Amino acid sequence: MPQKQESPLLEKHSFQRFKIGQSLTDVEVRLSPILRRKVQHFLGDVCLLDELLLSLQKIETSMRKFQSLLIAGLLCCLSGKTQQLFYLPTSAPVAEDTERVVGEGNDKNIVGVVRPAVEVYLPAEEKRNGCAVILCPGGALRALSWGNDVERMAAFLNERGIAAIGLKYHLNSLPMPKGMKMPPTVDVTRIDYFPQADANPLHFPEGDSIMLLAVEDARTAMRFVRAHAEEWGIDANKVGFLGFSAGGGVAIAATILAENEKERPDFLCTNYGPSLMPVSVPSPAPPLLVMTRADHPNVAAGSLALFLEWKKVGGNAELHVYGDGRGPYVLMEETGETTTESWSRQFVLWLQAKGFIGK
């Protein structure tokens, strides 16, 4: 009766370790010569043991493929198709969570925010240019226009390789005061009236608690993004604010009140949002882009005055005043009917001109 041959594969795998995933315990297959012969005798055919080892190898290969797919899926999630939510520390006392979503799509609004947070939208890795924009949505400090100011804008920026970070800042749960007095309007069509424009047209009460908390949230968000810059593929020297309406006021105040380089933005853009506090231009002053529309005298006047304050100290500032359309507040499809439709593209061109993204 012919003797059975030693399997080359078995000899090769007399000491073999198989790793299944990174977090699972290593599975070791150790076969001494004596044990191998006993196993051979028990199985009756060494080929069965060879097949067992091959099966284990296939399992290992399959697990590695699954691991690669899982990692690819996570990277896909981080490429702008989904977002990550991070809660921010705050000095405000712990309160009952009253946050809720009202509306959907572009009309999605968030109200009742008492826990500040950021939602991070990252572009596909191959598109990233290192620039990041913290989006401060508008809503009169009573709501956050999340659908238009964050989700739509984040998609727009991600397509152009720019990371977008939506900021959920503290909101006032009380309704707008009845009979709220608006300041006298300024005729912004007359150049000689410009010096009369007030950079703080709404005159929020000094020390307004919600406003101060919202500004604190923006400063914290700036520090948070820079702390995670390397992890998210962001250049820590290319992080700035884009604020809409009241969010513009929050972004301006966060820039003015920044206490150090980690809090100070590298650029600041306010869209239809004047300052909500007296303006004291920081030194050094980051590049400023002011966008507004001429058919709202108070907002336009405040925006013009903000621009002038920046220029008085030699700051790098640019002003766009649009005379038609609903914008520049709303992200608009360009039809060629109005110049207002191009405001978002002009914002990207401005970032290019200032060297924050490539051309």
Protein backbone atom coordinates (compact mmCIF):
# COMPACT_ATOMS: atom_id res chain seq x y z
CA MET A 1 0.00 0.00 0.00
CA PRO A 2 1.60 3.34 -1.06
CA GLN A 3 2.52 5.73 1.70
CA LYS A 4 0.81 9.09 1.81
CA GLN A 5 2.98 12.05 0.84
CA GLU A 6 3.58 15.03 3.12
CA SER A 7 1.68 17.99 1.79
CA PRO A 8 3.94 20.93 0.74
CA LEU A 9 1.16 23.28 1.73
CA LEU A 10 0.87 21.68 5.15
CA GLU A 11 4.63 21.90 5.65
CA LYS A 12 4.54 25.55 4.64
CA HIS A 13 1.75 26.29 7.11
CA SER A 14 3.16 24.34 10.05
CA PHE A 15 3.08 27.71 11.84
CA GLN A 16 0.54 30.08 10.36
CA ARG A 17 -1.20 33.17 11.82
CA PHE A 18 -4.42 34.52 10.38
CA LYS A 19 -5.60 38.03 11.24
CA ILE A 20 -9.27 38.77 10.89
CA GLY A 21 -9.81 42.52 11.08
CA GLN A 22 -7.89 44.94 13.23
CA SER A 23 -9.91 44.76 16.39
CA LEU A 24 -10.44 41.00 16.59
CA THR A 25 -8.15 38.57 18.45
CA ASP A 26 -5.54 36.90 16.27
CA VAL A 27 -6.40 33.34 15.33
CA GLU A 28 -3.33 31.11 15.34
CA VAL A 29 -3.03 27.69 13.78
CA ARG A 30 0.03 25.87 15.21
CA LEU A 31 0.69 22.33 14.08
CA SER A 32 3.71 20.45 15.46
CA PRO A 33 5.02 17.56 13.38
CA ILE A 34 3.58 15.00 15.82
CA LEU A 35 0.18 16.70 15.91
CA ARG A 36 0.20 17.05 12.14
CA ARG A 37 0.66 13.30 11.73
CA LYS A 38 -2.15 12.63 14.19
CA VAL A 39 -4.41 15.02 12.32
CA GLN A 40 -3.44 13.38 9.03
CA HIS A 41 -4.23 9.99 10.45
CA PHE A 42 -7.51 11.24 11.87
CA LEU A 43 -8.62 12.87 8.65
CA GLY A 44 -7.43 10.01 6.54
CA ASP A 45 -6.44 12.35 3.76
CA VAL A 46 -4.02 15.26 4.04
CA CYS A 47 -5.83 17.04 1.24
CA LEU A 48 -8.64 17.81 3.63
CA LEU A 49 -6.23 19.71 5.86
CA ASP A 50 -4.84 21.54 2.85
CA GLU A 51 -8.37 22.57 1.94
CA LEU A 52 -8.98 23.74 5.49
CA LEU A 53 -5.92 25.97 5.39
CA LEU A 54 -6.89 27.31 1.99
CA SER A 55 -10.36 28.06 3.32
CA LEU A 56 -8.87 30.00 6.21
CA GLN A 57 -6.77 31.97 3.74
CA LYS A 58 -9.88 32.76 1.70
CA ILE A 59 -11.67 33.91 4.84
CA GLU A 60 -8.75 36.19 5.65
CA THR A 61 -8.77 37.60 2.11
CA SER A 62 -12.52 38.17 2.24
CA MET A 63 -12.22 39.94 5.58
CA ARG A 64 -9.52 42.21 4.18
CA LYS A 65 -11.74 43.07 1.21
CA PHE A 66 -14.65 43.78 3.53
CA GLN A 67 -12.40 45.97 5.65
CA SER A 68 -11.30 47.90 2.55
CA LEU A 69 -14.92 48.37 1.46
CA LEU A 70 -15.84 49.55 4.94
CA ILE A 71 -13.04 52.11 4.94
CA ALA A 72 -14.01 53.24 1.44
CA GLY A 73 -17.60 53.61 2.61
CA LEU A 74 -16.51 55.75 5.54
CA LEU A 75 -14.41 57.94 3.26
CA CYS A 76 -17.39 58.27 0.97
CA CYS A 77 -19.45 59.45 3.91
CA LEU A 78 -16.81 62.07 4.65
CA SER A 79 -16.72 63.32 1.07
CA GLY A 80 -19.76 65.53 1.36
CA LYS A 81 -22.49 62.96 0.77
CA THR A 82 -23.21 62.88 4.51
CA GLN A 83 -22.02 64.99 7.40
CA GLN A 84 -20.51 64.62 10.82
CA LEU A 85 -22.05 66.33 13.83
CA PHE A 86 -19.91 67.57 16.72
CA TYR A 87 -21.25 69.31 19.81
CA LEU A 88 -19.24 72.26 21.06
CA PRO A 89 -18.42 73.23 24.64
CA THR A 90 -20.30 76.27 25.94
CA SER A 91 -20.35 78.50 28.99
CA ALA A 92 -24.15 78.51 28.97
CA PRO A 93 -25.91 76.52 31.71
CA VAL A 94 -27.27 73.13 30.72
CA ALA A 95 -30.80 73.53 29.39
CA GLU A 96 -33.51 71.19 28.16
CA ASP A 97 -32.90 70.37 24.51
CA THR A 98 -35.59 72.23 22.57
CA GLU A 99 -34.02 71.97 19.12
CA ARG A 100 -36.36 70.98 16.31
CA VAL A 101 -36.55 71.13 12.53
CA VAL A 102 -39.24 73.12 10.75
CA GLY A 103 -39.78 72.67 7.01
CA GLU A 104 -37.73 70.63 4.58
CA GLY A 105 -35.45 70.97 1.58
CA ASN A 106 -34.32 74.52 0.91
CA ASP A 107 -36.94 75.75 3.39
CA LYS A 108 -35.53 73.66 6.23
CA ASN A 109 -35.10 75.74 9.39
CA ILE A 110 -33.75 74.80 12.81
CA VAL A 111 -35.18 76.47 15.91
CA GLY A 112 -34.64 76.20 19.66
CA VAL A 113 -30.88 75.58 19.56
CA VAL A 114 -29.43 75.40 23.08
CA ARG A 115 -26.57 72.99 22.34
CA PRO A 116 -24.09 74.56 19.91
CA ALA A 117 -22.68 72.20 17.31
CA VAL A 118 -20.99 72.02 13.94
CA GLU A 119 -21.88 69.80 10.99
CA VAL A 120 -18.84 69.07 8.85
CA TYR A 121 -19.17 68.57 5.10
CA LEU A 122 -15.93 67.53 3.41
CA PRO A 123 -15.36 67.42 -0.35
CA ALA A 124 -14.10 64.31 -2.09
CA GLU A 125 -10.47 63.74 -1.20
CA GLU A 126 -9.25 64.25 -4.77
CA LYS A 127 -10.97 67.66 -4.92
CA ARG A 128 -9.79 69.12 -1.62
CA ASN A 129 -7.85 72.38 -1.84
CA GLY A 130 -7.37 72.95 1.90
CA CYS A 131 -9.80 75.85 2.22
CA ALA A 132 -12.66 75.69 4.75
CA VAL A 133 -15.66 77.96 5.27
CA ILE A 134 -17.63 78.10 8.50
CA LEU A 135 -21.22 78.84 7.49
CA CYS A 136 -23.22 81.01 9.91
CA PRO A 137 -26.86 80.76 8.78
CA GLY A 138 -29.35 83.58 9.10
CA GLY A 139 -32.73 83.72 10.81
CA ALA A 140 -32.87 86.83 13.04
CA LEU A 141 -31.34 84.86 15.95
CA ARG A 142 -34.70 83.05 16.19
CA ALA A 143 -34.04 80.32 13.63
CA LEU A 144 -31.29 78.94 11.40
CA SER A 145 -31.94 78.83 7.67
CA TRP A 146 -30.28 75.42 7.41
CA GLY A 147 -31.57 74.18 4.08
CA ASN A 148 -30.38 77.13 2.02
CA ASP A 149 -27.54 78.65 4.04
CA VAL A 150 -25.85 75.40 5.06
CA GLU A 151 -26.91 72.30 3.13
CA ARG A 152 -27.18 73.91 -0.32
CA MET A 153 -24.14 76.08 0.24
CA ALA A 154 -22.11 73.14 1.54
CA ALA A 155 -22.86 71.15 -1.62
CA PHE A 156 -21.88 74.16 -3.75
CA LEU A 157 -18.58 74.58 -1.90
CA ASN A 158 -17.76 70.85 -1.79
CA GLU A 159 -18.06 70.66 -5.58
CA ARG A 160 -15.31 73.27 -5.70
CA GLY A 161 -13.05 71.45 -3.26
CA ILE A 162 -13.89 73.65 -0.28
CA ALA A 163 -14.79 72.14 3.10
CA ALA A 164 -17.98 73.52 4.65
CA ILE A 165 -18.80 73.62 8.34
CA GLY A 166 -22.37 74.53 9.32
CA LEU A 167 -22.60 76.26 12.69
CA LYS A 168 -25.56 75.70 15.02
CA TYR A 169 -25.35 78.62 17.40
CA HIS A 170 -27.54 79.59 20.36
CA LEU A 171 -30.93 81.03 19.43
CA ASN A 172 -33.47 83.18 21.21
CA SER A 173 -36.64 81.21 21.87
CA LEU A 174 -38.67 84.39 22.43
CA PRO A 175 -40.63 86.01 19.57
CA MET A 176 -39.43 89.25 18.03
CA PRO A 177 -40.36 92.25 20.23
CA LYS A 178 -43.59 93.92 19.16
CA GLY A 179 -43.20 97.43 17.83
CA MET A 180 -39.44 97.05 17.49
CA LYS A 181 -38.17 100.43 16.33
CA MET A 182 -36.01 100.43 13.25
CA PRO A 183 -33.33 103.10 12.84
CA PRO A 184 -33.78 105.93 10.36
CA THR A 185 -33.07 104.84 6.82
CA VAL A 186 -30.10 106.14 4.86
CA ASP A 187 -30.39 106.91 1.17
CA VAL A 188 -27.62 104.67 -0.09
CA THR A 189 -27.97 106.01 -3.63
CA ARG A 190 -26.33 109.29 -2.54
CA ILE A 191 -22.61 109.08 -2.01
CA ASP A 192 -22.62 112.08 0.34
CA TYR A 193 -24.86 110.08 2.72
CA PHE A 194 -22.35 107.26 3.15
CA PRO A 195 -20.62 108.84 6.20
CA GLN A 196 -24.01 108.89 7.91
CA ALA A 197 -24.42 105.14 7.58
CA ASP A 198 -24.25 103.24 10.85
CA ALA A 199 -22.15 100.06 10.90
CA ASN A 200 -24.38 98.80 13.72
CA PRO A 201 -27.81 99.68 12.30
CA LEU A 202 -30.00 97.46 14.48
CA HIS A 203 -28.38 98.45 17.79
CA PHE A 204 -28.77 95.23 19.71
CA PRO A 205 -28.83 95.85 23.47
CA GLU A 206 -25.28 95.88 24.82
CA GLY A 207 -24.56 92.59 26.55
CA ASP A 208 -27.47 90.78 24.88
CA SER A 209 -27.02 87.27 26.30
CA ILE A 210 -28.11 85.29 23.24
CA MET A 211 -25.97 87.38 20.93
CA LEU A 212 -22.93 86.91 23.16
CA LEU A 213 -23.52 83.15 23.34
CA ALA A 214 -23.89 82.94 19.56
CA VAL A 215 -20.60 84.81 19.15
CA GLU A 216 -18.93 82.51 21.67
CA ASP A 217 -20.17 79.54 19.63
CA ALA A 218 -18.61 80.98 16.46
CA ARG A 219 -15.26 81.55 18.18
CA THR A 220 -15.35 78.02 19.59
CA ALA A 221 -16.16 76.63 16.14
CA MET A 222 -13.13 78.40 14.65
CA ARG A 223 -10.85 76.85 17.28
CA PHE A 224 -12.48 73.45 16.81
CA VAL A 225 -12.02 73.42 13.03
CA ARG A 226 -8.36 74.41 13.30
CA ALA A 227 -7.79 71.71 15.93
CA HIS A 228 -9.10 69.11 13.44
CA ALA A 229 -7.60 70.69 10.32
CA GLU A 230 -5.02 67.99 9.62
CA GLU A 231 -7.54 65.21 10.21
CA TRP A 232 -10.01 66.76 7.73
CA GLY A 233 -7.48 67.76 5.07
CA ILE A 234 -7.83 71.48 5.84
CA ASP A 235 -5.12 74.12 5.83
CA ALA A 236 -5.36 75.81 9.25
CA ASN A 237 -4.36 79.10 7.57
CA LYS A 238 -7.26 79.01 5.11
CA VAL A 239 -10.30 78.96 7.41
CA GLY A 240 -12.86 81.75 7.36
CA PHE A 241 -16.48 82.78 7.96
CA LEU A 242 -19.38 83.19 5.56
CA GLY A 243 -22.35 84.63 7.44
CA PHE A 244 -25.89 85.24 6.17
CA SER A 245 -28.12 87.98 7.61
CA ALA A 246 -28.00 87.63 11.41
CA GLY A 247 -25.32 84.99 10.89
CA GLY A 248 -23.26 87.69 9.21
CA GLY A 249 -23.55 89.76 12.37
CA VAL A 250 -22.43 86.75 14.43
CA ALA A 251 -19.42 86.20 12.13
CA ILE A 252 -18.43 89.88 12.26
CA ALA A 253 -18.68 89.99 16.06
CA ALA A 254 -16.68 86.75 16.39
CA THR A 255 -13.96 88.33 14.26
CA ILE A 256 -13.95 91.55 16.29
CA LEU A 257 -13.92 89.75 19.65
CA ALA A 258 -11.39 87.05 18.70
CA GLU A 259 -8.81 86.79 21.47
CA ASN A 260 -6.02 84.99 19.64
CA GLU A 261 -4.85 83.63 16.30
CA LYS A 262 -6.74 80.37 16.78
CA GLU A 263 -10.04 82.29 16.94
CA ARG A 264 -9.35 84.93 14.29
CA PRO A 265 -10.57 83.93 10.80
CA ASP A 266 -8.28 84.12 7.79
CA PHE A 267 -11.09 85.75 5.80
CA LEU A 268 -14.57 87.09 6.47
CA CYS A 269 -17.56 87.35 4.16
CA THR A 270 -20.91 88.74 5.26
CA ASN A 271 -23.87 88.25 2.97
CA TYR A 272 -26.80 90.58 3.63
CA GLY A 273 -25.67 90.84 7.23
CA PRO A 274 -24.53 94.04 8.94
CA SER A 275 -22.77 94.11 12.26
CA LEU A 276 -24.88 93.52 15.37
CA MET A 277 -22.46 95.34 17.64
CA PRO A 278 -20.25 98.45 17.48
CA VAL A 279 -17.44 97.89 15.00
CA SER A 280 -13.84 97.94 16.15
CA VAL A 281 -11.73 96.58 13.33
CA PRO A 282 -9.20 94.01 14.63
CA SER A 283 -5.51 94.26 13.89
CA PRO A 284 -4.46 92.61 11.75
CA ALA A 285 -7.76 92.79 9.88
CA PRO A 286 -8.60 89.72 7.78
CA PRO A 287 -9.70 90.27 4.16
CA LEU A 288 -13.38 91.29 4.13
CA LEU A 289 -16.00 90.72 1.44
CA VAL A 290 -19.33 92.49 1.98
CA MET A 291 -22.33 91.51 -0.14
CA THR A 292 -25.68 93.23 0.17
CA ARG A 293 -28.62 94.49 -1.83
CA ALA A 294 -29.63 98.10 -2.33
CA ASP A 295 -33.36 97.65 -1.74
CA HIS A 296 -33.03 97.23 2.04
CA PRO A 297 -31.81 100.63 3.25
CA ASN A 298 -30.80 99.64 6.78
CA VAL A 299 -28.94 96.49 5.85
CA ALA A 300 -27.32 98.20 2.87
CA ALA A 301 -26.34 101.21 4.98
CA GLY A 302 -24.87 98.98 7.69
CA SER A 303 -22.93 96.98 5.10
CA LEU A 304 -21.55 100.14 3.50
CA ALA A 305 -20.50 101.50 6.87
CA LEU A 306 -18.78 98.21 7.77
CA PHE A 307 -16.82 98.41 4.53
CA LEU A 308 -15.78 102.01 5.32
CA GLU A 309 -14.66 101.06 8.85
CA TRP A 310 -12.39 98.37 7.39
CA LYS A 311 -10.94 100.80 4.85
CA LYS A 312 -10.28 103.48 7.46
CA VAL A 313 -7.63 101.30 9.08
CA GLY A 314 -6.20 100.17 5.77
CA GLY A 315 -7.93 96.81 5.80
CA ASN A 316 -8.37 94.71 2.67
CA ALA A 317 -12.07 95.07 1.91
CA GLU A 318 -14.36 94.60 -1.07
CA LEU A 319 -18.01 95.64 -1.39
CA HIS A 320 -20.71 94.27 -3.72
CA VAL A 321 -24.07 96.04 -3.72
CA TYR A 322 -26.69 94.34 -5.91
CA GLY A 323 -29.60 96.36 -7.17
CA ASP A 324 -32.00 93.63 -8.22
CA GLY A 325 -33.15 90.12 -7.45
CA ARG A 326 -33.86 88.40 -4.16
CA GLY A 327 -30.24 87.91 -3.30
CA PRO A 328 -27.52 87.85 -2.62
CA TYR A 329 -28.93 86.05 0.41
CA VAL A 330 -30.32 83.05 -1.53
CA LEU A 331 -28.12 80.65 -3.47
CA MET A 332 -29.46 81.20 -6.97
CA GLU A 333 -29.28 79.43 -10.30
CA GLU A 334 -27.58 81.62 -12.87
CA THR A 335 -30.01 82.38 -15.71
CA GLY A 336 -28.32 85.55 -16.92
CA GLU A 337 -31.31 87.69 -15.98
CA THR A 338 -29.69 89.47 -13.01
CA THR A 339 -26.18 90.08 -11.72
CA THR A 340 -27.36 89.03 -8.26
CA GLU A 341 -27.50 85.40 -9.39
CA SER A 342 -23.72 85.29 -9.65
CA TRP A 343 -22.94 86.20 -6.03
CA SER A 344 -21.89 82.67 -5.04
CA ARG A 345 -19.52 82.43 -8.00
CA GLN A 346 -18.17 85.88 -7.13
CA PHE A 347 -17.46 84.63 -3.62
CA VAL A 348 -15.38 81.75 -5.02
CA LEU A 349 -13.55 84.14 -7.37
CA TRP A 350 -12.79 86.38 -4.39
CA LEU A 351 -11.29 83.40 -2.51
CA GLN A 352 -9.16 82.70 -5.57
CA ALA A 353 -8.04 86.33 -5.87
CA LYS A 354 -6.98 86.33 -2.20
CA GLY A 355 -4.99 83.12 -2.62
CA PHE A 356 -7.13 80.84 -0.45
CA ILE A 357 -7.90 78.46 -3.32
CA GLY A 358 -6.20 77.78 -6.64
CA LYS A 359 -7.41 79.12 -9.96
